[in-house]
Amino acid sequence: MRTFRALGLLLAALVLAGSAAQAEYPEKTIRIVVPYPPGGFNDTLGRIVAQKLGEAWGQPAVVENRPGGGTLIGTDAVAKAPPDGYTLLVVAFPVRGDPEPLRQAPI
């Protein structure tokens, strides 16, 4: 019985130590990729989202325009970014209606 109690206390201590060691999100700048040229609707939308996220989270959000390739350049940059939640993609309209180009896309 003592063994189970000690094992339970050890497990609880490990869980509490693990949750205390995790950092608060976000802890660095958020990168928002807009796969369209500056000045259009999607760019404006991305900048509004960046401003609101920055205010809500207390971290800067930077908009990066990556136009070209029918949005594939910007989308590819986001797909190849580390999966840490600090790189976001803003697309207001469907990127593709035809699935065939996506099969040949580099992402």
C-alpha atoms as a PDB file:
ATOM      1  CA  MET A   1       0.000   0.000   0.000  1.00  0.00           C
ATOM      2  CA  ARG A   2       2.861   2.359   0.813  1.00  0.00           C
ATOM      3  CA  THR A   3       4.402   1.637  -2.557  1.00  0.00           C
ATOM      4  CA  PHE A   4       1.249   2.726  -4.400  1.00  0.00           C
ATOM      5  CA  ARG A   5       0.974   5.874  -2.300  1.00  0.00           C
ATOM      6  CA  ALA A   6       4.616   6.762  -2.946  1.00  0.00           C
ATOM      7  CA  LEU A   7       4.213   6.043  -6.642  1.00  0.00           C
ATOM      8  CA  GLY A   8       1.087   8.233  -6.754  1.00  0.00           C
ATOM      9  CA  LEU A   9       2.894  11.108  -5.036  1.00  0.00           C
ATOM     10  CA  LEU A  10       5.822  10.763  -7.411  1.00  0.00           C
ATOM     11  CA  LEU A  11       3.513  10.800 -10.427  1.00  0.00           C
ATOM     12  CA  ALA A  12       1.671  13.891  -9.129  1.00  0.00           C
ATOM     13  CA  ALA A  13       4.981  15.678  -8.536  1.00  0.00           C
ATOM     14  CA  LEU A  14       6.139  14.899 -12.081  1.00  0.00           C
ATOM     15  CA  VAL A  15       2.884  16.186 -13.589  1.00  0.00           C
ATOM     16  CA  LEU A  16       3.045  19.398 -11.574  1.00  0.00           C
ATOM     17  CA  ALA A  17       6.711  19.940 -12.415  1.00  0.00           C
ATOM     18  CA  GLY A  18       6.046  19.407 -16.125  1.00  0.00           C
ATOM     19  CA  SER A  19       3.170  21.880 -16.247  1.00  0.00           C
ATOM     20  CA  ALA A  20       5.181  24.494 -14.362  1.00  0.00           C
ATOM     21  CA  ALA A  21       8.088  24.154 -16.802  1.00  0.00           C
ATOM     22  CA  GLN A  22       5.984  24.971 -19.874  1.00  0.00           C
ATOM     23  CA  ALA A  23       6.298  28.526 -21.137  1.00  0.00           C
ATOM     24  CA  GLU A  24       3.378  30.855 -21.713  1.00  0.00           C
ATOM     25  CA  TYR A  25       2.282  31.200 -25.362  1.00  0.00           C
ATOM     26  CA  PRO A  26       3.266  33.390 -27.112  1.00  0.00           C
ATOM     27  CA  GLU A  27       6.730  34.158 -25.863  1.00  0.00           C
ATOM     28  CA  LYS A  28       8.123  35.617 -29.107  1.00  0.00           C
ATOM     29  CA  THR A  29       7.022  37.499 -32.221  1.00  0.00           C
ATOM     30  CA  ILE A  30       4.198  36.003 -34.285  1.00  0.00           C
ATOM     31  CA  ARG A  31       4.844  35.895 -38.050  1.00  0.00           C
ATOM     32  CA  ILE A  32       1.777  36.273 -40.260  1.00  0.00           C
ATOM     33  CA  VAL A  33       2.363  35.357 -43.900  1.00  0.00           C
ATOM     34  CA  VAL A  34       0.044  36.884 -46.501  1.00  0.00           C
ATOM     35  CA  PRO A  35       0.529  35.210 -49.902  1.00  0.00           C
ATOM     36  CA  TYR A  36      -0.697  38.302 -51.770  1.00  0.00           C
ATOM     37  CA  PRO A  37       0.901  41.648 -52.717  1.00  0.00           C
ATOM     38  CA  PRO A  38       0.731  44.570 -50.276  1.00  0.00           C
ATOM     39  CA  GLY A  39      -2.198  46.960 -50.427  1.00  0.00           C
ATOM     40  CA  GLY A  40      -4.988  44.547 -51.283  1.00  0.00           C
ATOM     41  CA  PHE A  41      -7.836  43.132 -49.245  1.00  0.00           C
ATOM     42  CA  ASN A  42      -5.875  40.165 -47.912  1.00  0.00           C
ATOM     43  CA  ASP A  43      -2.963  42.381 -46.865  1.00  0.00           C
ATOM     44  CA  THR A  44      -5.339  44.703 -45.015  1.00  0.00           C
ATOM     45  CA  LEU A  45      -7.000  41.716 -43.354  1.00  0.00           C
ATOM     46  CA  GLY A  46      -3.618  40.350 -42.290  1.00  0.00           C
ATOM     47  CA  ARG A  47      -2.607  43.683 -40.788  1.00  0.00           C
ATOM     48  CA  ILE A  48      -5.869  43.988 -38.862  1.00  0.00           C
ATOM     49  CA  VAL A  49      -5.438  40.448 -37.522  1.00  0.00           C
ATOM     50  CA  ALA A  50      -1.807  41.221 -36.597  1.00  0.00           C
ATOM     51  CA  GLN A  51      -2.812  44.356 -34.711  1.00  0.00           C
ATOM     52  CA  LYS A  52      -5.568  42.589 -32.764  1.00  0.00           C
ATOM     53  CA  LEU A  53      -3.364  39.597 -31.924  1.00  0.00           C
ATOM     54  CA  GLY A  54      -0.570  41.907 -30.773  1.00  0.00           C
ATOM     55  CA  GLU A  55      -2.948  43.780 -28.481  1.00  0.00           C
ATOM     56  CA  ALA A  56      -4.537  40.609 -27.108  1.00  0.00           C
ATOM     57  CA  TRP A  57      -1.339  38.615 -26.577  1.00  0.00           C
ATOM     58  CA  GLY A  58       1.118  41.368 -25.677  1.00  0.00           C
ATOM     59  CA  GLN A  59       3.589  40.209 -28.333  1.00  0.00           C
ATOM     60  CA  PRO A  60       4.256  41.828 -31.698  1.00  0.00           C
ATOM     61  CA  ALA A  61       2.774  40.230 -34.791  1.00  0.00           C
ATOM     62  CA  VAL A  62       4.612  40.938 -38.054  1.00  0.00           C
ATOM     63  CA  VAL A  63       2.963  40.702 -41.478  1.00  0.00           C
ATOM     64  CA  GLU A  64       5.143  39.278 -44.233  1.00  0.00           C
ATOM     65  CA  ASN A  65       3.850  39.496 -47.804  1.00  0.00           C
ATOM     66  CA  ARG A  66       4.995  36.532 -49.966  1.00  0.00           C
ATOM     67  CA  PRO A  67       3.093  36.911 -53.255  1.00  0.00           C
ATOM     68  CA  GLY A  68       3.551  34.820 -56.367  1.00  0.00           C
ATOM     69  CA  GLY A  69       2.904  31.400 -57.765  1.00  0.00           C
ATOM     70  CA  GLY A  70      -0.835  31.650 -57.228  1.00  0.00           C
ATOM     71  CA  THR A  71      -0.265  31.856 -53.434  1.00  0.00           C
ATOM     72  CA  LEU A  72       2.074  28.829 -53.456  1.00  0.00           C
ATOM     73  CA  ILE A  73       5.174  30.816 -52.437  1.00  0.00           C
ATOM     74  CA  GLY A  74       3.608  32.112 -49.226  1.00  0.00           C
ATOM     75  CA  THR A  75       1.809  28.859 -48.494  1.00  0.00           C
ATOM     76  CA  ASP A  76       5.022  26.907 -49.027  1.00  0.00           C
ATOM     77  CA  ALA A  77       6.862  29.189 -46.587  1.00  0.00           C
ATOM     78  CA  VAL A  78       4.260  28.512 -43.904  1.00  0.00           C
ATOM     79  CA  ALA A  79       4.206  24.768 -44.615  1.00  0.00           C
ATOM     80  CA  LYS A  80       7.988  24.590 -44.172  1.00  0.00           C
ATOM     81  CA  ALA A  81       8.053  26.733 -41.008  1.00  0.00           C
ATOM     82  CA  PRO A  82       8.645  24.992 -37.681  1.00  0.00           C
ATOM     83  CA  PRO A  83       5.350  23.639 -36.296  1.00  0.00           C
ATOM     84  CA  ASP A  84       5.519  25.804 -33.185  1.00  0.00           C
ATOM     85  CA  GLY A  85       2.450  27.982 -33.768  1.00  0.00           C
ATOM     86  CA  TYR A  86       4.421  31.175 -34.410  1.00  0.00           C
ATOM     87  CA  THR A  87       3.881  31.272 -38.189  1.00  0.00           C
ATOM     88  CA  LEU A  88       0.344  31.827 -39.412  1.00  0.00           C
ATOM     89  CA  LEU A  89      -1.185  32.048 -42.895  1.00  0.00           C
ATOM     90  CA  VAL A  90      -3.902  34.544 -43.802  1.00  0.00           C
ATOM     91  CA  VAL A  91      -6.015  33.647 -46.829  1.00  0.00           C
ATOM     92  CA  ALA A  92      -9.445  35.225 -47.068  1.00  0.00           C
ATOM     93  CA  PHE A  93     -10.648  33.285 -50.100  1.00  0.00           C
ATOM     94  CA  PRO A  94     -10.149  29.667 -51.166  1.00  0.00           C
ATOM     95  CA  VAL A  95      -6.591  29.194 -52.342  1.00  0.00           C
ATOM     96  CA  ARG A  96      -7.421  26.545 -54.950  1.00  0.00           C
ATOM     97  CA  GLY A  97     -10.583  25.218 -56.510  1.00  0.00           C
ATOM     98  CA  ASP A  98      -8.813  22.624 -58.626  1.00  0.00           C
ATOM     99  CA  PRO A  99      -6.924  19.951 -56.635  1.00  0.00           C
ATOM    100  CA  GLU A 100      -4.642  19.006 -59.557  1.00  0.00           C
ATOM    101  CA  PRO A 101      -2.152  21.925 -59.129  1.00  0.00           C
ATOM    102  CA  LEU A 102      -1.815  21.050 -55.435  1.00  0.00           C
ATOM    103  CA  ARG A 103      -0.715  17.524 -56.303  1.00  0.00           C
ATOM    104  CA  GLN A 104       2.219  19.030 -58.188  1.00  0.00           C
ATOM    105  CA  ALA A 105       2.907  21.795 -55.640  1.00  0.00           C
ATOM    106  CA  PRO A 106       6.213  21.764 -53.755  1.00  0.00           C
ATOM    107  CA  ILE A 107       4.456  21.642 -50.372  1.00  0.00           C
END
